[in-house]
C-alpha atoms as a PDB file:
ATOM      1  CA  MET A   1      30.891  11.906  16.914  1.00  0.00           C
ATOM      2  CA  LYS A   2      29.261   9.341  14.722  1.00  0.00           C
ATOM      3  CA  LYS A   3      30.394   8.770  10.931  1.00  0.00           C
ATOM      4  CA  LEU A   4      27.817  10.387   8.614  1.00  0.00           C
ATOM      5  CA  THR A   5      26.951   6.801   7.370  1.00  0.00           C
ATOM      6  CA  SER A   6      25.842   5.967  10.712  1.00  0.00           C
ATOM      7  CA  GLN A   7      23.816   9.161  11.427  1.00  0.00           C
ATOM      8  CA  LYS A   8      21.982   8.669   7.815  1.00  0.00           C
ATOM      9  CA  ARG A   9      21.362   4.919   8.833  1.00  0.00           C
ATOM     10  CA  CYS A  10      19.964   6.028  12.057  1.00  0.00           C
ATOM     11  CA  ALA A  11      17.704   8.677  10.639  1.00  0.00           C
ATOM     12  CA  LEU A  12      16.469   6.150   8.204  1.00  0.00           C
ATOM     13  CA  GLN A  13      15.637   3.577  10.911  1.00  0.00           C
ATOM     14  CA  THR A  14      13.787   6.103  12.973  1.00  0.00           C
ATOM     15  CA  ALA A  15      12.058   7.549  10.315  1.00  0.00           C
ATOM     16  CA  ARG A  16      10.700   4.151   9.185  1.00  0.00           C
ATOM     17  CA  LYS A  17       9.973   3.111  12.840  1.00  0.00           C
ATOM     18  CA  LEU A  18       7.822   6.645  13.075  1.00  0.00           C
ATOM     19  CA  LEU A  19       5.965   6.158   9.947  1.00  0.00           C
ATOM     20  CA  GLN A  20       5.065   2.478  11.275  1.00  0.00           C
ATOM     21  CA  GLU A  21       4.060   3.475  14.552  1.00  0.00           C
ATOM     22  CA  LYS A  22       1.579   6.557  13.265  1.00  0.00           C
ATOM     23  CA  ALA A  23      -0.052   4.046  10.630  1.00  0.00           C
ATOM     24  CA  ILE A  24      -0.714   1.835  13.482  1.00  0.00           C
ATOM     25  CA  ASP A  25      -1.919   4.869  15.425  1.00  0.00           C
ATOM     26  CA  ILE A  26      -4.313   6.016  13.013  1.00  0.00           C
ATOM     27  CA  ALA A  27      -5.905   2.292  12.631  1.00  0.00           C
ATOM     28  CA  ASN A  28      -6.357   2.139  16.268  1.00  0.00           C
ATOM     29  CA  ASP A  29      -8.000   5.587  16.223  1.00  0.00           C
ATOM     30  CA  ILE A  30     -10.497   4.468  13.599  1.00  0.00           C
ATOM     31  CA  ARG A  31     -11.301   1.385  15.472  1.00  0.00           C
ATOM     32  CA  GLY A  32     -12.088   3.585  18.505  1.00  0.00           C
ATOM     33  CA  ARG A  33     -14.136   6.107  16.751  1.00  0.00           C
ATOM     34  CA  LEU A  34     -16.216   3.591  15.171  1.00  0.00           C
ATOM     35  CA  ARG A  35     -16.658   1.741  18.490  1.00  0.00           C
ATOM     36  CA  ASN A  36     -18.313   5.389  19.650  1.00  0.00           C
ATOM     37  CA  PHE A  37     -20.977   4.644  17.054  1.00  0.00           C
ATOM     38  CA  GLU A  38     -21.295   0.885  18.317  1.00  0.00           C
ATOM     39  CA  LEU A  39     -19.684  -0.241  14.800  1.00  0.00           C
ATOM     40  CA  LYS A  40     -16.890  -2.723  15.317  1.00  0.00           C
ATOM     41  CA  VAL A  41     -14.487  -3.681  12.892  1.00  0.00           C
ATOM     42  CA  GLY A  42     -13.413  -7.126  14.074  1.00  0.00           C
ATOM     43  CA  LEU A  43     -10.819  -9.324  13.107  1.00  0.00           C
ATOM     44  CA  VAL A  44      -9.398  -8.128   9.818  1.00  0.00           C
ATOM     45  CA  GLY A  45      -5.854  -7.849   8.221  1.00  0.00           C
ATOM     46  CA  THR A  46      -4.146  -4.981   7.682  1.00  0.00           C
ATOM     47  CA  ALA A  47      -5.026  -4.710   3.969  1.00  0.00           C
ATOM     48  CA  ASP A  48      -8.835  -5.415   4.622  1.00  0.00           C
ATOM     49  CA  LEU A  49      -9.279  -2.788   7.268  1.00  0.00           C
ATOM     50  CA  GLU A  50     -10.088  -0.011   4.397  1.00  0.00           C
ATOM     51  CA  ASP A  51     -13.007  -2.262   3.058  1.00  0.00           C
ATOM     52  CA  ARG A  52     -14.261  -3.053   6.324  1.00  0.00           C
ATOM     53  CA  VAL A  53     -14.685   0.490   7.539  1.00  0.00           C
ATOM     54  CA  ARG A  54     -15.997   1.623   4.081  1.00  0.00           C
ATOM     55  CA  GLU A  55     -18.513  -1.111   4.596  1.00  0.00           C
ATOM     56  CA  LEU A  56     -19.384   0.064   8.145  1.00  0.00           C
ATOM     57  CA  THR A  57     -19.838   3.456   7.287  1.00  0.00           C
ATOM     58  CA  GLU A  58     -21.773   3.630   3.916  1.00  0.00           C
ATOM     59  CA  ASP A  59     -24.936   4.618   5.807  1.00  0.00           C
ATOM     60  CA  ILE A  60     -23.332   7.386   7.748  1.00  0.00           C
ATOM     61  CA  PRO A  61     -22.138   9.905   5.095  1.00  0.00           C
ATOM     62  CA  ASP A  62     -20.476  12.247   7.483  1.00  0.00           C
ATOM     63  CA  LEU A  63     -18.720   9.443   9.182  1.00  0.00           C
ATOM     64  CA  ALA A  64     -17.697   7.690   5.943  1.00  0.00           C
ATOM     65  CA  GLU A  65     -16.041  11.210   5.057  1.00  0.00           C
ATOM     66  CA  ILE A  66     -14.059  11.351   8.220  1.00  0.00           C
ATOM     67  CA  MET A  67     -12.986   7.724   7.819  1.00  0.00           C
ATOM     68  CA  ALA A  68     -12.053   8.343   4.313  1.00  0.00           C
ATOM     69  CA  ALA A  69      -9.474  10.865   5.414  1.00  0.00           C
ATOM     70  CA  LEU A  70      -8.030   8.846   7.908  1.00  0.00           C
ATOM     71  CA  LEU A  71      -7.832   5.904   5.685  1.00  0.00           C
ATOM     72  CA  THR A  72      -5.998   7.903   3.021  1.00  0.00           C
ATOM     73  CA  THR A  73      -3.572   9.246   5.448  1.00  0.00           C
ATOM     74  CA  ARG A  74      -2.990   5.653   6.830  1.00  0.00           C
ATOM     75  CA  GLN A  75      -2.448   4.443   3.161  1.00  0.00           C
ATOM     76  CA  LYS A  76       0.264   7.067   2.387  1.00  0.00           C
ATOM     77  CA  LEU A  77       1.975   6.311   5.868  1.00  0.00           C
ATOM     78  CA  ARG A  78       2.230   2.673   4.933  1.00  0.00           C
ATOM     79  CA  GLU A  79       3.299   3.433   1.263  1.00  0.00           C
ATOM     80  CA  GLU A  80       6.262   5.597   2.758  1.00  0.00           C
ATOM     81  CA  PHE A  81       7.003   2.841   5.443  1.00  0.00           C
ATOM     82  CA  SER A  82       7.328   0.258   2.669  1.00  0.00           C
ATOM     83  CA  ARG A  83       9.724   2.606   0.747  1.00  0.00           C
ATOM     84  CA  LEU A  84      11.990   3.245   3.737  1.00  0.00           C
ATOM     85  CA  HIS A  85      11.838  -0.636   4.844  1.00  0.00           C
ATOM     86  CA  ARG A  86      13.047  -1.431   0.995  1.00  0.00           C
ATOM     87  CA  LYS A  87      16.009   1.023   1.596  1.00  0.00           C
ATOM     88  CA  VAL A  88      16.708  -0.328   4.717  1.00  0.00           C
ATOM     89  CA  SER A  89      16.634  -3.970   3.116  1.00  0.00           C
ATOM     90  CA  GLU A  90      18.878  -2.829   0.230  1.00  0.00           C
ATOM     91  CA  ILE A  91      21.288  -1.346   2.447  1.00  0.00           C
ATOM     92  CA  ALA A  92      21.596  -4.393   4.767  1.00  0.00           C
ATOM     93  CA  LYS A  93      21.916  -6.732   1.693  1.00  0.00           C
ATOM     94  CA  GLY A  94      24.735  -4.652   0.376  1.00  0.00           C
ATOM     95  CA  ASN A  95      26.558  -4.788   3.854  1.00  0.00           C
ATOM     96  CA  ALA A  96      28.810  -7.989   4.271  1.00  0.00           C
ATOM     97  CA  ILE A  97      28.375  -7.772   8.179  1.00  0.00           C
ATOM     98  CA  CYS A  98      24.703  -7.400   7.917  1.00  0.00           C
ATOM     99  CA  ARG A  99      24.515 -10.189   5.399  1.00  0.00           C
ATOM    100  CA  ARG A 100      26.289 -12.333   7.959  1.00  0.00           C
ATOM    101  CA  LEU A 101      24.103 -11.365  10.983  1.00  0.00           C
ATOM    102  CA  MET A 102      21.227 -12.164   8.850  1.00  0.00           C
ATOM    103  CA  THR A 103      22.406 -15.891   8.803  1.00  0.00           C
ATOM    104  CA  VAL A 104      21.188 -15.880  12.644  1.00  0.00           C
ATOM    105  CA  PRO A 105      17.579 -17.093  13.044  1.00  0.00           C
ATOM    106  CA  GLY A 106      15.544 -14.319  13.861  1.00  0.00           C
ATOM    107  CA  VAL A 107      17.724 -11.534  12.509  1.00  0.00           C
ATOM    108  CA  GLY A 108      16.488  -9.754   9.317  1.00  0.00           C
ATOM    109  CA  PRO A 109      17.538  -6.536   7.659  1.00  0.00           C
ATOM    110  CA  VAL A 110      16.301  -4.096  10.199  1.00  0.00           C
ATOM    111  CA  THR A 111      17.903  -5.688  13.277  1.00  0.00           C
ATOM    112  CA  SER A 112      21.322  -6.459  11.423  1.00  0.00           C
ATOM    113  CA  LEU A 113      21.466  -2.879  10.459  1.00  0.00           C
ATOM    114  CA  ALA A 114      20.629  -1.654  14.002  1.00  0.00           C
ATOM    115  CA  LEU A 115      23.543  -3.870  15.384  1.00  0.00           C
END
């Protein structure tokens, strides 16, 4: 049986990953739904997506309301993801083995904690 500490870390990492995946899924769904209306978001960063979607839907109030609900949900998921990511970073920085692993190029807090 895994130690309690190990189980908690595993739960933290899987929850973090789930929030990340769902936020990405919502962003992709928004893009797909807008394409049905022949509206293209184009190349925008994660932070600029909300402004672009609001700009595209300002002339279609019903669609704007739907997109607002999706954008709000996506934003909340991103906030909670960031909170869990900070927790992963704190745990990794507080662990000597993780700190040593993070000296390897390409290994950050998430990978070091997973190992």
